[in-house]
C-alpha atoms as a PDB file:
ATOM      1  CA  MET A   1      33.606  16.684  14.444  1.00  0.00           C
ATOM      2  CA  ARG A   2      37.113  14.964  15.017  1.00  0.00           C
ATOM      3  CA  SER A   3      37.375  16.699  18.584  1.00  0.00           C
ATOM      4  CA  SER A   4      33.816  15.293  19.521  1.00  0.00           C
ATOM      5  CA  THR A   5      35.212  11.864  18.282  1.00  0.00           C
ATOM      6  CA  LEU A   6      38.043  12.004  20.344  1.00  0.00           C
ATOM      7  CA  LEU A   7      36.229  13.139  23.720  1.00  0.00           C
ATOM      8  CA  VAL A   8      33.846  10.074  23.161  1.00  0.00           C
ATOM      9  CA  LEU A   9      36.794   7.644  22.770  1.00  0.00           C
ATOM     10  CA  ALA A  10      38.411   9.183  25.978  1.00  0.00           C
ATOM     11  CA  THR A  11      35.065   9.035  27.992  1.00  0.00           C
ATOM     12  CA  ILE A  12      34.788   4.938  26.939  1.00  0.00           C
ATOM     13  CA  TRP A  13      38.270   4.559  28.108  1.00  0.00           C
ATOM     14  CA  LEU A  14      37.952   6.371  31.551  1.00  0.00           C
ATOM     15  CA  CYS A  15      34.307   4.651  32.307  1.00  0.00           C
ATOM     16  CA  PRO A  16      34.450   1.162  30.909  1.00  0.00           C
ATOM     17  CA  VAL A  17      31.070  -0.524  29.892  1.00  0.00           C
ATOM     18  CA  THR A  18      30.143  -3.131  32.469  1.00  0.00           C
ATOM     19  CA  GLU A  19      27.285  -4.438  30.424  1.00  0.00           C
ATOM     20  CA  ALA A  20      26.091  -4.405  26.718  1.00  0.00           C
ATOM     21  CA  PRO A  21      24.152  -1.450  25.487  1.00  0.00           C
ATOM     22  CA  ALA A  22      20.621  -2.116  24.996  1.00  0.00           C
ATOM     23  CA  ALA A  23      19.828  -2.347  20.861  1.00  0.00           C
ATOM     24  CA  PRO A  24      18.320   0.568  19.491  1.00  0.00           C
ATOM     25  CA  PRO A  25      14.485   0.820  18.986  1.00  0.00           C
ATOM     26  CA  ALA A  26      14.613   0.644  15.427  1.00  0.00           C
ATOM     27  CA  ALA A  27      17.310   0.066  12.725  1.00  0.00           C
ATOM     28  CA  VAL A  28      16.973   2.097  10.124  1.00  0.00           C
ATOM     29  CA  ALA A  29      19.354   2.033   6.936  1.00  0.00           C
ATOM     30  CA  ALA A  30      22.102   4.531   7.376  1.00  0.00           C
ATOM     31  CA  ALA A  31      21.504   6.121   3.880  1.00  0.00           C
ATOM     32  CA  ALA A  32      19.623   9.260   3.544  1.00  0.00           C
ATOM     33  CA  ASP A  33      15.939   9.502   2.760  1.00  0.00           C
ATOM     34  CA  PRO A  34      16.493   9.122  -1.368  1.00  0.00           C
ATOM     35  CA  LEU A  35      13.423  11.193  -1.624  1.00  0.00           C
ATOM     36  CA  ASP A  36      14.222  13.845   0.508  1.00  0.00           C
ATOM     37  CA  SER A  37      11.099  13.945   2.540  1.00  0.00           C
ATOM     38  CA  ALA A  38      10.802  16.285   5.840  1.00  0.00           C
ATOM     39  CA  ARG A  39       8.346  13.585   7.269  1.00  0.00           C
ATOM     40  CA  TRP A  40      10.159  10.328   6.557  1.00  0.00           C
ATOM     41  CA  GLY A  41      11.443  10.207  10.229  1.00  0.00           C
ATOM     42  CA  ASP A  42       7.575  10.604  11.267  1.00  0.00           C
ATOM     43  CA  MET A  43       7.021   7.718   9.168  1.00  0.00           C
ATOM     44  CA  VAL A  44       9.173   5.380  10.610  1.00  0.00           C
ATOM     45  CA  LYS A  45       7.768   6.121  14.036  1.00  0.00           C
ATOM     46  CA  THR A  46       4.273   5.642  12.865  1.00  0.00           C
ATOM     47  CA  PHE A  47       4.604   2.399  10.546  1.00  0.00           C
ATOM     48  CA  PHE A  48       7.679   0.797  11.607  1.00  0.00           C
ATOM     49  CA  PRO A  49       8.558   1.175  15.252  1.00  0.00           C
ATOM     50  CA  GLY A  50      11.332  -1.605  16.373  1.00  0.00           C
ATOM     51  CA  ALA A  51      11.768  -2.977  13.114  1.00  0.00           C
ATOM     52  CA  SER A  52      14.441  -2.959  10.426  1.00  0.00           C
ATOM     53  CA  VAL A  53      13.616  -0.964   7.644  1.00  0.00           C
ATOM     54  CA  VAL A  54      15.917  -0.456   4.397  1.00  0.00           C
ATOM     55  CA  PHE A  55      15.730   1.817   1.507  1.00  0.00           C
ATOM     56  CA  ASP A  56      15.715  -0.695  -1.734  1.00  0.00           C
ATOM     57  CA  ALA A  57      15.463  -0.298  -5.517  1.00  0.00           C
ATOM     58  CA  ARG A  58      13.789  -4.022  -5.636  1.00  0.00           C
ATOM     59  CA  VAL A  59      10.914  -2.546  -4.561  1.00  0.00           C
ATOM     60  CA  LYS A  60       9.129  -0.699  -7.388  1.00  0.00           C
ATOM     61  CA  VAL A  61       6.716   1.867  -7.464  1.00  0.00           C
ATOM     62  CA  LEU A  62       5.283   3.287 -10.623  1.00  0.00           C
ATOM     63  CA  ALA A  63       3.363   6.475 -10.937  1.00  0.00           C
ATOM     64  CA  PRO A  64       3.203   9.422 -13.030  1.00  0.00           C
ATOM     65  CA  ALA A  65       5.453  12.313 -12.228  1.00  0.00           C
ATOM     66  CA  ILE A  66       2.392  14.813 -12.232  1.00  0.00           C
ATOM     67  CA  ALA A  67      -1.006  13.572 -11.008  1.00  0.00           C
ATOM     68  CA  GLU A  68      -3.602  14.964 -13.874  1.00  0.00           C
ATOM     69  CA  ASP A  69      -6.369  13.884 -11.211  1.00  0.00           C
ATOM     70  CA  SER A  70      -5.674  14.222  -7.813  1.00  0.00           C
ATOM     71  CA  LEU A  71      -8.691  11.952  -7.191  1.00  0.00           C
ATOM     72  CA  ASN A  72      -7.289   9.331  -9.229  1.00  0.00           C
ATOM     73  CA  VAL A  73      -3.500   8.453  -9.443  1.00  0.00           C
ATOM     74  CA  PRO A  74      -2.823   5.423 -10.887  1.00  0.00           C
ATOM     75  CA  VAL A  75      -0.074   3.637  -8.869  1.00  0.00           C
ATOM     76  CA  SER A  76       1.399   0.021  -9.521  1.00  0.00           C
ATOM     77  CA  VAL A  77       3.740  -1.522  -6.605  1.00  0.00           C
ATOM     78  CA  ASP A  78       5.849  -4.626  -7.642  1.00  0.00           C
ATOM     79  CA  ALA A  79       8.053  -6.396  -4.860  1.00  0.00           C
ATOM     80  CA  GLY A  80       8.932  -9.217  -7.265  1.00  0.00           C
ATOM     81  CA  GLU A  81      12.554  -9.386  -7.156  1.00  0.00           C
ATOM     82  CA  LEU A  82      12.278  -9.826  -3.592  1.00  0.00           C
ATOM     83  CA  ALA A  83      11.987 -13.167  -1.894  1.00  0.00           C
ATOM     84  CA  GLY A  84       9.975 -14.167   0.603  1.00  0.00           C
ATOM     85  CA  VAL A  85       7.383 -11.101   0.438  1.00  0.00           C
ATOM     86  CA  GLU A  86       4.870 -11.628   3.427  1.00  0.00           C
ATOM     87  CA  GLU A  87       2.860  -7.842   3.537  1.00  0.00           C
ATOM     88  CA  VAL A  88       3.091  -4.834   1.372  1.00  0.00           C
ATOM     89  CA  LEU A  89       2.281  -1.576   2.981  1.00  0.00           C
ATOM     90  CA  VAL A  90       1.636   1.529   0.700  1.00  0.00           C
ATOM     91  CA  PHE A  91       1.556   5.261   1.947  1.00  0.00           C
ATOM     92  CA  ALA A  92       1.841   9.020   1.384  1.00  0.00           C
ATOM     93  CA  ASP A  93       3.932  11.160   3.572  1.00  0.00           C
ATOM     94  CA  PHE A  94       1.683  13.880   3.282  1.00  0.00           C
ATOM     95  CA  ASN A  95      -1.901  12.995   2.772  1.00  0.00           C
ATOM     96  CA  PRO A  96      -3.778  13.737   5.756  1.00  0.00           C
ATOM     97  CA  ILE A  97      -4.873  10.109   6.242  1.00  0.00           C
ATOM     98  CA  LEU A  98      -1.039   8.280   5.628  1.00  0.00           C
ATOM     99  CA  ALA A  99      -1.878   4.732   4.943  1.00  0.00           C
ATOM    100  CA  VAL A 100      -3.318   3.702   1.447  1.00  0.00           C
ATOM    101  CA  LEU A 101      -3.569  -0.068   1.675  1.00  0.00           C
ATOM    102  CA  ARG A 102      -1.975  -3.178   2.761  1.00  0.00           C
ATOM    103  CA  PHE A 103      -1.989  -6.470   0.904  1.00  0.00           C
ATOM    104  CA  GLN A 104      -0.441 -10.052   1.686  1.00  0.00           C
ATOM    105  CA  PRO A 105       0.413 -11.894  -1.562  1.00  0.00           C
ATOM    106  CA  LYS A 106      -0.277 -15.192  -0.727  1.00  0.00           C
ATOM    107  CA  LYS A 107      -0.397 -17.400  -4.004  1.00  0.00           C
ATOM    108  CA  ALA A 108      -0.247 -13.837  -5.888  1.00  0.00           C
ATOM    109  CA  ARG A 109       2.404 -11.802  -7.021  1.00  0.00           C
ATOM    110  CA  PRO A 110       3.675  -9.481  -4.561  1.00  0.00           C
ATOM    111  CA  ALA A 111       2.957  -6.662  -7.196  1.00  0.00           C
ATOM    112  CA  LEU A 112      -0.596  -4.512  -6.971  1.00  0.00           C
ATOM    113  CA  GLY A 113      -1.998  -1.793  -9.410  1.00  0.00           C
ATOM    114  CA  PHE A 114      -4.775   0.514  -7.960  1.00  0.00           C
ATOM    115  CA  ARG A 115      -5.483   4.555  -7.492  1.00  0.00           C
ATOM    116  CA  LEU A 116      -5.393   6.865  -4.649  1.00  0.00           C
ATOM    117  CA  LYS A 117      -6.421  10.251  -3.801  1.00  0.00           C
ATOM    118  CA  LEU A 118      -3.486  12.962  -2.958  1.00  0.00           C
ATOM    119  CA  GLN A 119      -4.044  16.009  -0.946  1.00  0.00           C
ATOM    120  CA  GLN A 120      -1.007  17.804  -2.168  1.00  0.00           C
ATOM    121  CA  SER A 121       2.273  16.698  -3.535  1.00  0.00           C
ATOM    122  CA  SER A 122       3.976  13.878  -1.553  1.00  0.00           C
ATOM    123  CA  PRO A 123       6.093  10.727  -1.755  1.00  0.00           C
ATOM    124  CA  VAL A 124       4.047   7.292  -2.360  1.00  0.00           C
ATOM    125  CA  ARG A 125       6.010   4.567  -0.925  1.00  0.00           C
ATOM    126  CA  ALA A 126       5.809   0.841  -0.696  1.00  0.00           C
ATOM    127  CA  ALA A 127       7.141  -0.746   1.995  1.00  0.00           C
ATOM    128  CA  ALA A 128       7.522  -4.772   1.500  1.00  0.00           C
ATOM    129  CA  ARG A 129       8.307  -7.093   4.853  1.00  0.00           C
ATOM    130  CA  THR A 130       9.779 -10.100   4.196  1.00  0.00           C
ATOM    131  CA  ALA A 131      10.151 -13.320   6.124  1.00  0.00           C
ATOM    132  CA  ASP A 132      12.990 -11.904   8.241  1.00  0.00           C
ATOM    133  CA  GLY A 133      11.093  -8.794   9.761  1.00  0.00           C
ATOM    134  CA  VAL A 134      13.234  -6.527   7.511  1.00  0.00           C
ATOM    135  CA  TRP A 135      11.048  -3.830   5.502  1.00  0.00           C
ATOM    136  CA  HIS A 136      12.326  -3.048   2.321  1.00  0.00           C
ATOM    137  CA  VAL A 137      11.099   0.503   1.041  1.00  0.00           C
ATOM    138  CA  GLY A 138      10.619   1.989  -2.607  1.00  0.00           C
ATOM    139  CA  GLY A 139       8.856   5.253  -3.822  1.00  0.00           C
ATOM    140  CA  VAL A 140       8.458   8.171  -5.902  1.00  0.00           C
ATOM    141  CA  TRP A 141       7.712  11.877  -5.603  1.00  0.00           C
ATOM    142  CA  ILE A 142       4.328  12.609  -7.116  1.00  0.00           C
ATOM    143  CA  THR A 143       3.181  16.279  -7.964  1.00  0.00           C
ATOM    144  CA  ALA A 144      -0.262  16.995  -7.376  1.00  0.00           C
ATOM    145  CA  THR A 145      -2.376  20.126  -7.222  1.00  0.00           C
ATOM    146  CA  GLY A 146      -4.018  18.680  -4.357  1.00  0.00           C
ATOM    147  CA  GLY A 147      -7.577  18.262  -2.852  1.00  0.00           C
ATOM    148  CA  GLY A 148      -7.781  14.761  -3.415  1.00  0.00           C
ATOM    149  CA  CYS A 149      -8.537  13.542   0.150  1.00  0.00           C
ATOM    150  CA  THR A 150     -11.211  16.407   0.886  1.00  0.00           C
ATOM    151  CA  ALA A 151     -13.088  16.606  -2.156  1.00  0.00           C
ATOM    152  CA  PRO A 152     -16.407  14.655  -2.081  1.00  0.00           C
ATOM    153  CA  SER A 153     -16.783  11.495  -4.087  1.00  0.00           C
ATOM    154  CA  THR A 154     -19.155  11.779  -7.028  1.00  0.00           C
ATOM    155  CA  GLY A 155     -21.166   8.925  -6.396  1.00  0.00           C
ATOM    156  CA  SER A 156     -21.824  10.159  -2.637  1.00  0.00           C
ATOM    157  CA  GLY A 157     -24.443  12.640  -4.585  1.00  0.00           C
ATOM    158  CA  SER A 158     -25.930  10.188  -6.814  1.00  0.00           C
ATOM    159  CA  PRO A 159     -28.672   7.690  -6.169  1.00  0.00           C
ATOM    160  CA  GLU A 160     -27.477   5.165  -8.293  1.00  0.00           C
ATOM    161  CA  TRP A 161     -24.378   4.126  -5.827  1.00  0.00           C
ATOM    162  CA  GLN A 162     -27.226   2.574  -3.285  1.00  0.00           C
ATOM    163  CA  GLU A 163     -28.538   0.588  -6.070  1.00  0.00           C
ATOM    164  CA  ARG A 164     -24.810  -0.750  -7.303  1.00  0.00           C
ATOM    165  CA  LEU A 165     -23.238  -0.524  -4.066  1.00  0.00           C
ATOM    166  CA  ASN A 166     -20.165  -3.147  -3.776  1.00  0.00           C
ATOM    167  CA  GLU A 167     -20.985  -4.470  -7.227  1.00  0.00           C
ATOM    168  CA  VAL A 168     -18.042  -5.880  -9.018  1.00  0.00           C
ATOM    169  CA  SER A 169     -16.882  -6.306 -12.569  1.00  0.00           C
ATOM    170  CA  GLY A 170     -13.744  -7.918 -13.949  1.00  0.00           C
ATOM    171  CA  ARG A 171     -11.981 -10.188 -15.826  1.00  0.00           C
ATOM    172  CA  ILE A 172      -9.004 -12.485 -15.929  1.00  0.00           C
ATOM    173  CA  PHE A 173      -6.733 -12.441 -18.543  1.00  0.00           C
ATOM    174  CA  PRO A 174      -3.655 -14.526 -19.503  1.00  0.00           C
ATOM    175  CA  ARG A 175       0.122 -13.675 -19.560  1.00  0.00           C
ATOM    176  CA  ALA A 176       2.752 -14.540 -21.411  1.00  0.00           C
ATOM    177  CA  ASP A 177       4.547 -15.702 -18.710  1.00  0.00           C
ATOM    178  CA  GLY A 178       1.693 -18.879 -18.623  1.00  0.00           C
ATOM    179  CA  GLY A 179       0.421 -16.853 -15.419  1.00  0.00           C
ATOM    180  CA  GLU A 180      -2.514 -14.716 -15.257  1.00  0.00           C
ATOM    181  CA  ARG A 181      -3.870 -11.319 -14.866  1.00  0.00           C
ATOM    182  CA  LEU A 182      -6.870  -9.924 -12.763  1.00  0.00           C
ATOM    183  CA  ARG A 183      -8.514  -6.876 -13.220  1.00  0.00           C
ATOM    184  CA  MET A 184     -11.285  -5.813 -10.906  1.00  0.00           C
ATOM    185  CA  ARG A 185     -13.333  -3.141 -10.161  1.00  0.00           C
ATOM    186  CA  VAL A 186     -15.607  -2.401  -7.144  1.00  0.00           C
ATOM    187  CA  ILE A 187     -18.405   0.104  -7.124  1.00  0.00           C
ATOM    188  CA  HIS A 188     -17.806   2.090  -4.279  1.00  0.00           C
ATOM    189  CA  PRO A 189     -17.737   6.160  -3.287  1.00  0.00           C
ATOM    190  CA  MET A 190     -14.577   5.539  -0.910  1.00  0.00           C
ATOM    191  CA  ASP A 191     -15.236   8.564   1.257  1.00  0.00           C
ATOM    192  CA  THR A 192     -12.629   9.793   3.354  1.00  0.00           C
ATOM    193  CA  GLY A 193     -14.568  11.327   5.884  1.00  0.00           C
ATOM    194  CA  LEU A 194     -12.439  14.761   5.723  1.00  0.00           C
ATOM    195  CA  ALA A 195     -15.254  16.175   3.042  1.00  0.00           C
ATOM    196  CA  PRO A 196     -17.655  18.632   4.854  1.00  0.00           C
ATOM    197  CA  GLY A 197     -21.055  16.564   5.677  1.00  0.00           C
ATOM    198  CA  ILE A 198     -19.765  13.251   4.397  1.00  0.00           C
ATOM    199  CA  PRO A 199     -19.071  10.407   6.903  1.00  0.00           C
ATOM    200  CA  VAL A 200     -16.386   8.068   6.549  1.00  0.00           C
ATOM    201  CA  PHE A 201     -17.439   5.053   3.967  1.00  0.00           C
ATOM    202  CA  HIS A 202     -14.654   2.773   2.207  1.00  0.00           C
ATOM    203  CA  ILE A 203     -13.908  -0.674   1.743  1.00  0.00           C
ATOM    204  CA  GLU A 204     -12.147  -2.544   4.493  1.00  0.00           C
ATOM    205  CA  ASN A 205     -11.436  -5.820   3.645  1.00  0.00           C
ATOM    206  CA  LEU A 206     -10.957  -7.967   0.362  1.00  0.00           C
ATOM    207  CA  THR A 207      -9.574 -11.371  -0.152  1.00  0.00           C
ATOM    208  CA  LEU A 208      -9.171 -13.276  -3.545  1.00  0.00           C
ATOM    209  CA  ALA A 209      -9.199 -16.639  -3.755  1.00  0.00           C
ATOM    210  CA  ASP A 210      -9.541 -19.458  -6.399  1.00  0.00           C
ATOM    211  CA  GLU A 211     -12.240 -21.964  -6.938  1.00  0.00           C
ATOM    212  CA  SER A 212     -10.738 -24.360  -4.551  1.00  0.00           C
ATOM    213  CA  GLY A 213     -10.740 -21.442  -1.681  1.00  0.00           C
ATOM    214  CA  ALA A 214      -6.971 -21.264  -1.664  1.00  0.00           C
ATOM    215  CA  GLU A 215      -6.199 -17.237  -1.011  1.00  0.00           C
ATOM    216  CA  LEU A 216      -4.310 -15.251  -3.633  1.00  0.00           C
ATOM    217  CA  MET A 217      -4.655 -11.951  -2.060  1.00  0.00           C
ATOM    218  CA  ARG A 218      -5.676 -10.242   1.287  1.00  0.00           C
ATOM    219  CA  ILE A 219      -5.828  -6.368   0.540  1.00  0.00           C
ATOM    220  CA  ARG A 220      -6.854  -4.099   3.235  1.00  0.00           C
ATOM    221  CA  ALA A 221      -8.047  -0.501   1.846  1.00  0.00           C
ATOM    222  CA  TYR A 222      -8.103   2.369   3.560  1.00  0.00           C
ATOM    223  CA  GLU A 223      -9.799   5.844   2.765  1.00  0.00           C
ATOM    224  CA  PRO A 224      -7.222   7.490   0.364  1.00  0.00           C
ATOM    225  CA  VAL A 225      -7.981   4.348  -2.290  1.00  0.00           C
ATOM    226  CA  SER A 226      -9.912   5.865  -5.172  1.00  0.00           C
ATOM    227  CA  GLU A 227     -13.713   5.586  -5.628  1.00  0.00           C
ATOM    228  CA  ASN A 228     -14.804   2.721  -7.630  1.00  0.00           C
ATOM    229  CA  PRO A 229     -11.672   1.051  -6.922  1.00  0.00           C
ATOM    230  CA  LEU A 230      -9.619  -0.902  -9.726  1.00  0.00           C
ATOM    231  CA  PHE A 231      -7.128  -3.423  -8.823  1.00  0.00           C
ATOM    232  CA  THR A 232      -4.855  -5.156 -10.982  1.00  0.00           C
ATOM    233  CA  ILE A 233      -3.415  -8.603  -9.590  1.00  0.00           C
ATOM    234  CA  ASP A 234      -0.949 -10.960 -11.194  1.00  0.00           C
ATOM    235  CA  MET A 235      -1.004 -14.403 -10.344  1.00  0.00           C
ATOM    236  CA  PRO A 236       2.013 -17.070 -11.380  1.00  0.00           C
ATOM    237  CA  ALA A 237       1.510 -19.763 -13.766  1.00  0.00           C
ATOM    238  CA  GLY A 238      -0.429 -22.698 -11.690  1.00  0.00           C
ATOM    239  CA  ALA A 239      -1.537 -20.329  -8.979  1.00  0.00           C
ATOM    240  CA  SER A 240      -5.224 -19.789  -9.690  1.00  0.00           C
ATOM    241  CA  PRO A 241      -6.556 -23.088 -11.233  1.00  0.00           C
ATOM    242  CA  GLY A 242      -9.883 -23.111 -12.752  1.00  0.00           C
ATOM    243  CA  ALA A 243     -11.573 -20.310 -14.284  1.00  0.00           C
ATOM    244  CA  ARG A 244     -12.901 -18.110 -11.528  1.00  0.00           C
ATOM    245  CA  ILE A 245     -11.891 -16.144  -9.075  1.00  0.00           C
ATOM    246  CA  HIS A 246     -13.957 -15.433  -5.480  1.00  0.00           C
ATOM    247  CA  ALA A 247     -13.961 -11.476  -4.344  1.00  0.00           C
ATOM    248  CA  LEU A 248     -15.297 -11.697  -0.775  1.00  0.00           C
ATOM    249  CA  GLY A 249     -14.816  -8.680   1.570  1.00  0.00           C
ATOM    250  CA  ARG A 250     -16.528  -5.677   3.303  1.00  0.00           C
ATOM    251  CA  ASP A 251     -16.954  -2.084   3.948  1.00  0.00           C
ATOM    252  CA  ASN A 252     -16.677   0.010   7.065  1.00  0.00           C
ATOM    253  CA  ASN A 253     -20.592  -0.079   7.450  1.00  0.00           C
ATOM    254  CA  GLY A 254     -20.366  -3.876   7.071  1.00  0.00           C
ATOM    255  CA  ASN A 255     -22.100  -3.801   3.523  1.00  0.00           C
ATOM    256  CA  ARG A 256     -20.877  -7.129   1.886  1.00  0.00           C
ATOM    257  CA  ILE A 257     -18.642  -7.811  -1.419  1.00  0.00           C
ATOM    258  CA  ASP A 258     -19.411 -11.529  -2.853  1.00  0.00           C
ATOM    259  CA  ALA A 259     -18.895 -11.958  -6.347  1.00  0.00           C
ATOM    260  CA  TRP A 260     -16.975 -14.384  -9.018  1.00  0.00           C
ATOM    261  CA  VAL A 261     -14.857 -13.010 -11.673  1.00  0.00           C
ATOM    262  CA  ALA A 262     -14.113 -15.506 -14.748  1.00  0.00           C
ATOM    263  CA  GLN A 263     -11.966 -15.377 -17.813  1.00  0.00           C
END
């Protein structure tokens, strides 16, 4: 290593640089991946080309170390210690469909609880993009027996889901800090398209707004979100005036979600 360094220095001395070198295509944290994933380099190329990426303990991902059910793995993401979070991306390194969901916090806290499907043991990561364009990444390893992404949903084999498709149920709870917590469930099979004979069918977009129409959060869901998605969203004090929250969205077949959730 020392002789290589001397050779580089000698080359620079003999061949002066006449113009500034081009900036690297992506500035990635120099520290090694704390989760030691063989696929981290692929994740950078897939999701963050040309962007600055840093590992940041302030982006918290809470999940069980061992998934009891690979079809329903509870995960909670919280980037509330960062200022100016504009978008959060959640992905799983070893899933056949990498991206799980994205959300823009708007007036809500940059935090979201949900459930996902895992095909095998994998790091599950959250990357929070701040106003300066930097992606702050946190994550955890989850051990799973596998098969979550290629198994058919229970709803796909039942005639009931057609009658209840995109039905919304939920409630708004007061928080000790003066804010509110929304827990909301949407009836949907969330099929990945990887089970034989079952096409991809999932919720794509979901926007939550207060009674005045001000957006609280935008969610972009992908196939690995679990069947009948259950979302938990926190609003700071004063962020959601009124007693109801409007959920508006659609799935990839154009079926609409339009419901109000009350206290």
